Amino acid sequence: MATLKQVAAHAEVSVQTVSNALNAPHRLRPDTLERVNRSIELLNYRPNRNARSLRTSAVELIGYCVPDWPNQTHLVMDQFLHALCAAAETSGRHILLFTAPPAVEGMPVYDDLHARRLVDGFVLSQTETHDPRHGWLKEKQIPFVSFGRVWKETTQPGPWVDVDGAAGSALAVQHLYDVGRRRIAFLSWPKSSGLAEDRLAGWRSKCNDLGLPTSGLSVHCGEDTIEEGVRATAALLDSAQPPDGIVALSDILALGALRELGRRGLTPGVDVGVTGFDDSPLAEVVSPGLTSLRQPMDRIASELINILTGTSTGVPAERLLQPELVIRGSSAPG
């Protein structure tokens, strides 16, 4: 493989000029930049990534731990991973995928990847209450950014990008109210999930604003599965005053609600309005289509990469984005 000196000799310029062509092309005259780039291409020169990142502290290769969710389907995270890889590649960077044990037990994996210069920084996701990764990475001065906040912390231990789940739930409640629903239930996750509490709070606040009841209308599901959605919906429909609308914390729980309504001969969007969250690929293919809150995945990924690589200047490192309500037949039949 060609060296930096060989490229400089071939282009008849200094080593610094080649370095500028790679790292600060705006400093060179167009004809000089063209000559250097032609030499780089002809000699098939590839910069030493480790040497450059050590010298400049640049974040070029980004680590992402793929969450392990046994027996659960998380289609939205597949969308996120695709968007993240695309955003990184657009900026000339790449994502290195890995797995690690949860909580503190996984920290040696992060430490090893960074110490061996296999990655320069990390994107985190699936954040939980008191997530240990953020504080550990901050203490080690390892660059990172998080998709999601660390819940129940007075101050966030690092930069983050998140979607306003409370505002999303409120949008869903308002929509169901606008189409005539007056007893709107909520399918949630366990109370230990900060994300679930955020979305639940949005449902409760909007119901209170509209003068709608909330007592006995929220159900905490044990996990994010269709079966749990079925069970929770059955419990709500069997109550003395069943709901005429259901806001589900996820598309998966909402699909469970649709299944239980169908089993009872009830028509979603007519007898009971149902909404989900994430606008996963399944939301569009089920019948009727599932009304859902779409997270702006492309923008989330771009913001994460920009924060981590320092390509955005003068922009806050804490960004709360708004979801979009995509209305389909499960809540408002056409």
Protein backbone atom coordinates (compact mmCIF):
# COMPACT_ATOMS: atom_id res chain seq x y z
CA MET A 1 0.00 0.00 0.00
CA ALA A 2 1.26 3.45 -0.91
CA THR A 3 2.47 5.81 1.81
CA LEU A 4 1.76 9.49 2.32
CA LYS A 5 5.31 10.32 1.20
CA GLN A 6 4.91 8.31 -2.00
CA VAL A 7 1.70 10.19 -2.85
CA ALA A 8 3.46 13.52 -2.21
CA ALA A 9 6.36 12.55 -4.48
CA HIS A 10 4.02 11.36 -7.23
CA ALA A 11 2.01 14.59 -7.11
CA GLU A 12 5.17 16.67 -6.72
CA VAL A 13 3.87 18.39 -3.59
CA SER A 14 4.75 18.35 0.11
CA VAL A 15 3.46 15.78 2.60
CA GLN A 16 1.52 18.61 4.29
CA THR A 17 -0.25 19.38 1.03
CA VAL A 18 -1.40 15.75 0.75
CA SER A 19 -2.57 15.94 4.37
CA ASN A 20 -4.52 19.10 3.56
CA ALA A 21 -6.12 17.40 0.56
CA LEU A 22 -7.39 14.66 2.88
CA ASN A 23 -8.35 16.73 5.92
CA ALA A 24 -8.77 20.36 4.80
CA PRO A 25 -9.25 20.45 1.02
CA HIS A 26 -10.56 24.03 1.17
CA ARG A 27 -6.99 25.20 1.88
CA LEU A 28 -5.72 24.10 -1.56
CA ARG A 29 -6.08 25.63 -4.98
CA PRO A 30 -8.46 23.61 -7.18
CA ASP A 31 -5.71 22.53 -9.59
CA THR A 32 -3.45 21.37 -6.72
CA LEU A 33 -6.29 19.47 -5.06
CA GLU A 34 -7.13 17.78 -8.37
CA ARG A 35 -3.50 16.72 -8.89
CA VAL A 36 -3.20 15.27 -5.38
CA ASN A 37 -6.50 13.42 -5.62
CA ARG A 38 -5.42 11.94 -8.95
CA SER A 39 -2.22 10.64 -7.35
CA ILE A 40 -4.18 9.22 -4.40
CA GLU A 41 -6.42 7.35 -6.82
CA LEU A 42 -3.62 6.11 -9.07
CA LEU A 43 -1.55 4.83 -6.14
CA ASN A 44 -4.62 3.44 -4.34
CA TYR A 45 -3.59 5.28 -1.18
CA ARG A 46 -5.65 4.59 1.97
CA PRO A 47 -5.08 6.77 5.07
CA ASN A 48 -4.08 5.02 8.31
CA ARG A 49 -7.30 5.44 10.28
CA ASN A 50 -5.76 4.65 13.67
CA ALA A 51 -2.88 7.08 13.18
CA ARG A 52 -5.20 9.86 12.08
CA SER A 53 -7.69 9.39 14.91
CA LEU A 54 -4.88 9.32 17.47
CA ARG A 55 -3.41 12.50 16.03
CA THR A 56 -6.63 14.48 15.62
CA SER A 57 -8.97 12.88 18.22
CA ALA A 58 -11.44 12.53 15.35
CA VAL A 59 -14.43 10.20 15.66
CA GLU A 60 -14.30 8.19 12.45
CA LEU A 61 -15.35 4.63 13.28
CA ILE A 62 -18.40 4.50 15.53
CA GLY A 63 -19.36 1.59 17.76
CA TYR A 64 -22.99 0.55 18.27
CA CYS A 65 -24.09 -2.26 20.58
CA VAL A 66 -26.94 -4.24 19.04
CA PRO A 67 -29.54 -4.78 21.79
CA ASP A 68 -30.47 -8.34 22.72
CA TRP A 69 -34.23 -8.66 23.08
CA PRO A 70 -35.06 -12.39 23.28
CA ASN A 71 -38.57 -13.40 22.24
CA GLN A 72 -39.44 -9.81 21.31
CA THR A 73 -39.78 -8.01 17.99
CA HIS A 74 -38.33 -4.51 17.67
CA LEU A 75 -38.83 -3.53 14.05
CA VAL A 76 -38.26 0.13 14.87
CA MET A 77 -34.69 -0.62 15.93
CA ASP A 78 -34.03 -2.22 12.54
CA GLN A 79 -35.16 1.06 10.96
CA PHE A 80 -32.91 2.99 13.33
CA LEU A 81 -29.86 0.85 12.57
CA HIS A 82 -30.30 1.29 8.81
CA ALA A 83 -30.70 5.06 9.21
CA LEU A 84 -27.66 5.26 11.49
CA CYS A 85 -25.42 3.39 9.05
CA ALA A 86 -26.62 5.57 6.17
CA ALA A 87 -26.02 8.79 8.14
CA ALA A 88 -22.52 7.68 9.14
CA GLU A 89 -21.59 6.74 5.58
CA THR A 90 -22.88 10.05 4.25
CA SER A 91 -20.32 11.77 6.48
CA GLY A 92 -17.52 9.42 5.40
CA ARG A 93 -17.69 7.27 8.54
CA HIS A 94 -18.81 3.74 9.34
CA ILE A 95 -20.59 1.86 12.11
CA LEU A 96 -19.01 -1.14 13.84
CA LEU A 97 -21.67 -3.43 15.33
CA PHE A 98 -21.03 -5.49 18.45
CA THR A 99 -22.84 -7.16 21.33
CA ALA A 100 -22.21 -6.85 25.05
CA PRO A 101 -23.79 -8.03 28.31
CA PRO A 102 -26.28 -5.58 29.83
CA ALA A 103 -25.46 -2.96 32.47
CA VAL A 104 -22.04 -2.75 34.12
CA GLU A 105 -21.05 -6.24 32.95
CA GLY A 106 -20.80 -4.96 29.40
CA MET A 107 -18.39 -2.11 30.13
CA PRO A 108 -15.21 -4.18 29.48
CA VAL A 109 -16.40 -4.68 25.88
CA TYR A 110 -16.69 -0.92 25.35
CA ASP A 111 -13.31 -0.39 27.04
CA ASP A 112 -11.59 -3.02 24.89
CA LEU A 113 -12.99 -1.70 21.61
CA HIS A 114 -11.82 1.83 22.38
CA ALA A 115 -8.44 0.85 23.87
CA ARG A 116 -7.58 -1.17 20.74
CA ARG A 117 -8.61 1.78 18.53
CA LEU A 118 -11.26 -0.35 16.85
CA VAL A 119 -13.72 2.50 17.44
CA ASP A 120 -13.34 6.18 18.33
CA GLY A 121 -16.71 6.69 20.00
CA PHE A 122 -20.13 5.17 20.59
CA VAL A 123 -23.80 5.68 19.81
CA LEU A 124 -25.99 4.29 22.59
CA SER A 125 -29.64 3.25 22.40
CA GLN A 126 -32.22 1.42 24.53
CA THR A 127 -31.42 3.69 27.45
CA GLU A 128 -32.94 2.81 30.80
CA THR A 129 -33.33 4.45 34.19
CA HIS A 130 -29.87 5.03 35.71
CA ASP A 131 -28.20 3.49 32.65
CA PRO A 132 -24.57 2.86 33.76
CA ARG A 133 -22.97 3.24 30.31
CA HIS A 134 -23.27 7.02 30.12
CA GLY A 135 -21.53 7.84 33.37
CA TRP A 136 -18.82 5.25 32.71
CA LEU A 137 -18.05 6.58 29.22
CA LYS A 138 -18.08 10.16 30.49
CA GLU A 139 -15.63 9.30 33.28
CA LYS A 140 -13.32 7.59 30.78
CA GLN A 141 -13.62 10.61 28.45
CA ILE A 142 -14.73 8.37 25.59
CA PRO A 143 -16.93 10.23 23.06
CA PHE A 144 -20.56 9.08 22.96
CA VAL A 145 -24.07 10.25 22.17
CA SER A 146 -27.32 8.60 23.15
CA PHE A 147 -30.55 7.92 21.29
CA GLY A 148 -32.78 8.47 24.29
CA ARG A 149 -32.44 10.13 27.66
CA VAL A 150 -31.25 8.58 30.93
CA TRP A 151 -34.49 8.62 32.87
CA LYS A 152 -34.89 9.97 36.40
CA GLU A 153 -31.55 11.79 36.27
CA THR A 154 -31.51 15.44 37.36
CA THR A 155 -28.88 16.21 34.71
CA GLN A 156 -28.06 14.13 31.68
CA PRO A 157 -24.53 12.64 31.75
CA GLY A 158 -23.94 13.27 28.07
CA PRO A 159 -25.41 14.47 24.76
CA TRP A 160 -28.60 12.88 23.46
CA VAL A 161 -31.26 12.92 20.75
CA ASP A 162 -34.75 11.76 21.64
CA VAL A 163 -38.34 11.77 20.42
CA ASP A 164 -40.97 13.48 22.57
CA GLY A 165 -43.01 10.48 23.65
CA ALA A 166 -45.31 12.50 25.90
CA ALA A 167 -46.19 14.83 23.02
CA GLY A 168 -46.77 11.79 20.79
CA SER A 169 -49.23 10.20 23.22
CA ALA A 170 -51.01 13.52 23.54
CA LEU A 171 -51.34 13.70 19.74
CA ALA A 172 -52.92 10.23 19.70
CA VAL A 173 -55.40 11.12 22.46
CA GLN A 174 -56.37 14.36 20.72
CA HIS A 175 -56.95 12.49 17.46
CA LEU A 176 -59.17 9.87 19.09
CA TYR A 177 -61.07 12.61 20.90
CA ASP A 178 -61.59 14.48 17.62
CA VAL A 179 -63.20 11.40 16.04
CA GLY A 180 -65.62 11.01 18.96
CA ARG A 181 -63.85 8.78 21.50
CA ARG A 182 -64.51 9.60 25.15
CA ARG A 183 -63.04 6.65 27.12
CA ILE A 184 -59.47 6.35 25.89
CA ALA A 185 -57.29 3.66 27.47
CA PHE A 186 -53.50 3.28 27.47
CA LEU A 187 -51.40 0.12 27.03
CA SER A 188 -48.03 0.64 28.70
CA TRP A 189 -44.84 -1.18 29.71
CA PRO A 190 -43.61 -1.84 33.27
CA LYS A 191 -43.22 1.18 35.56
CA SER A 192 -39.45 0.66 35.61
CA SER A 193 -39.25 2.01 32.05
CA GLY A 194 -38.69 5.75 31.90
CA LEU A 195 -39.76 5.81 28.27
CA ALA A 196 -43.05 4.16 29.23
CA GLU A 197 -43.66 6.62 32.04
CA ASP A 198 -43.00 9.52 29.67
CA ARG A 199 -45.57 8.33 27.13
CA LEU A 200 -48.02 7.41 29.88
CA ALA A 201 -47.70 10.92 31.33
CA GLY A 202 -48.54 12.41 27.93
CA TRP A 203 -51.70 10.29 27.72
CA ARG A 204 -52.78 11.20 31.25
CA SER A 205 -52.08 14.92 30.84
CA LYS A 206 -54.02 15.21 27.57
CA CYS A 207 -56.96 13.21 28.98
CA ASN A 208 -57.06 15.59 31.95
CA ASP A 209 -56.94 18.61 29.63
CA LEU A 210 -59.91 17.25 27.67
CA GLY A 211 -61.88 16.25 30.76
CA LEU A 212 -61.63 12.53 29.97
CA PRO A 213 -61.44 9.79 32.64
CA THR A 214 -58.17 7.96 33.32
CA SER A 215 -58.97 5.82 36.39
CA GLY A 216 -58.81 2.12 35.56
CA LEU A 217 -57.94 2.84 31.93
CA SER A 218 -54.18 2.19 31.93
CA VAL A 219 -52.67 -1.29 31.86
CA HIS A 220 -48.98 -2.08 32.42
CA CYS A 221 -47.90 -4.95 30.15
CA GLY A 222 -45.12 -7.29 31.31
CA GLU A 223 -43.25 -7.05 27.99
CA ASP A 224 -43.62 -5.65 24.51
CA THR A 225 -45.36 -8.56 22.77
CA ILE A 226 -48.54 -9.13 20.80
CA GLU A 227 -49.67 -11.61 23.46
CA GLU A 228 -49.39 -8.96 26.17
CA GLY A 229 -51.36 -6.57 23.99
CA VAL A 230 -54.08 -9.20 23.63
CA ARG A 231 -54.19 -9.81 27.38
CA ALA A 232 -54.30 -6.12 28.31
CA THR A 233 -57.00 -5.35 25.75
CA ALA A 234 -59.12 -8.26 26.95
CA ALA A 235 -58.89 -6.95 30.54
CA LEU A 236 -60.00 -3.49 29.42
CA LEU A 237 -62.92 -4.79 27.33
CA ASP A 238 -64.09 -7.02 30.17
CA SER A 239 -64.24 -4.11 32.62
CA ALA A 240 -67.53 -2.57 33.77
CA GLN A 241 -66.93 0.47 31.55
CA PRO A 242 -64.84 -0.62 28.54
CA PRO A 243 -62.95 1.94 26.47
CA ASP A 244 -63.92 3.15 23.01
CA GLY A 245 -60.33 4.14 22.22
CA ILE A 246 -56.89 2.63 22.94
CA VAL A 247 -53.53 4.37 22.77
CA ALA A 248 -50.77 1.73 22.76
CA LEU A 249 -47.20 2.54 23.73
CA SER A 250 -45.90 0.52 20.75
CA ASP A 251 -47.11 -0.91 17.45
CA ILE A 252 -46.59 -4.41 18.84
CA LEU A 253 -49.02 -3.83 21.72
CA ALA A 254 -51.43 -2.14 19.30
CA LEU A 255 -51.35 -5.22 17.05
CA GLY A 256 -52.33 -7.28 20.08
CA ALA A 257 -55.25 -4.92 20.63
CA LEU A 258 -56.36 -5.34 17.00
CA ARG A 259 -56.18 -9.12 17.35
CA GLU A 260 -58.37 -9.14 20.46
CA LEU A 261 -60.91 -6.79 18.90
CA GLY A 262 -61.13 -9.08 15.87
CA ARG A 263 -61.55 -12.15 18.08
CA ARG A 264 -64.56 -10.50 19.71
CA GLY A 265 -66.13 -9.45 16.44
CA LEU A 266 -65.41 -5.76 17.04
CA THR A 267 -64.25 -3.51 14.20
CA PRO A 268 -61.18 -1.33 14.85
CA GLY A 269 -61.87 2.28 13.94
CA VAL A 270 -65.62 1.73 14.22
CA ASP A 271 -66.25 0.13 17.61
CA VAL A 272 -62.89 0.97 19.18
CA GLY A 273 -60.22 3.33 17.85
CA VAL A 274 -56.63 2.09 18.20
CA THR A 275 -53.28 3.86 17.80
CA GLY A 276 -49.69 2.59 18.07
CA PHE A 277 -46.26 4.16 18.32
CA ASP A 278 -43.24 3.86 15.94
CA ASP A 279 -45.04 3.41 12.60
CA SER A 280 -43.21 0.14 11.99
CA PRO A 281 -43.56 -1.65 8.61
CA LEU A 282 -46.38 -3.80 10.04
CA ALA A 283 -48.54 -0.73 10.68
CA GLU A 284 -49.13 -0.29 6.97
CA VAL A 285 -49.72 -3.92 6.00
CA VAL A 286 -52.27 -5.02 8.64
CA SER A 287 -55.97 -4.62 7.92
CA PRO A 288 -57.20 -2.11 8.80
CA GLY A 289 -53.99 -0.10 8.67
CA LEU A 290 -52.70 0.90 12.08
CA THR A 291 -52.68 4.58 13.02
CA SER A 292 -49.28 5.18 14.53
CA LEU A 293 -46.75 7.82 15.59
CA ARG A 294 -43.79 7.93 13.23
CA GLN A 295 -40.36 8.69 14.65
CA PRO A 296 -38.17 10.75 12.28
CA MET A 297 -35.45 8.08 12.04
CA ASP A 298 -33.39 9.71 9.30
CA ARG A 299 -33.21 12.98 11.20
CA ILE A 300 -32.49 11.21 14.50
CA ALA A 301 -29.57 9.36 12.94
CA SER A 302 -28.18 12.50 11.28
CA GLU A 303 -28.38 14.48 14.53
CA LEU A 304 -26.60 11.69 16.44
CA ILE A 305 -23.74 11.53 13.93
CA ASN A 306 -23.44 15.33 13.79
CA ILE A 307 -23.19 15.62 17.58
CA LEU A 308 -20.71 12.77 17.93
CA THR A 309 -18.42 13.93 15.14
CA GLY A 310 -18.64 17.62 16.00
CA THR A 311 -19.88 18.60 12.55
CA SER A 312 -22.66 20.77 14.00
CA THR A 313 -21.43 23.94 15.67
CA GLY A 314 -23.47 26.21 17.90
CA VAL A 315 -26.30 23.65 18.15
CA PRO A 316 -27.42 22.23 21.53
CA ALA A 317 -26.26 18.68 22.27
CA GLU A 318 -29.69 17.81 23.66
CA ARG A 319 -32.35 17.57 20.96
CA LEU A 320 -35.97 16.60 21.48
CA LEU A 321 -37.70 15.85 18.17
CA GLN A 322 -41.42 15.62 17.48
CA PRO A 323 -43.18 12.49 16.15
CA GLU A 324 -45.73 12.58 13.34
CA LEU A 325 -49.18 10.99 13.65
CA VAL A 326 -49.91 8.83 10.60
CA ILE A 327 -53.67 8.22 10.48
CA ARG A 328 -55.03 4.93 9.10
CA GLY A 329 -58.19 2.85 9.40
CA SER A 330 -57.66 1.52 12.93
CA SER A 331 -58.74 4.87 14.35
CA ALA A 332 -60.57 6.65 11.55
CA PRO A 333 -62.07 4.44 8.82
CA GLY A 334 -62.18 6.04 5.40
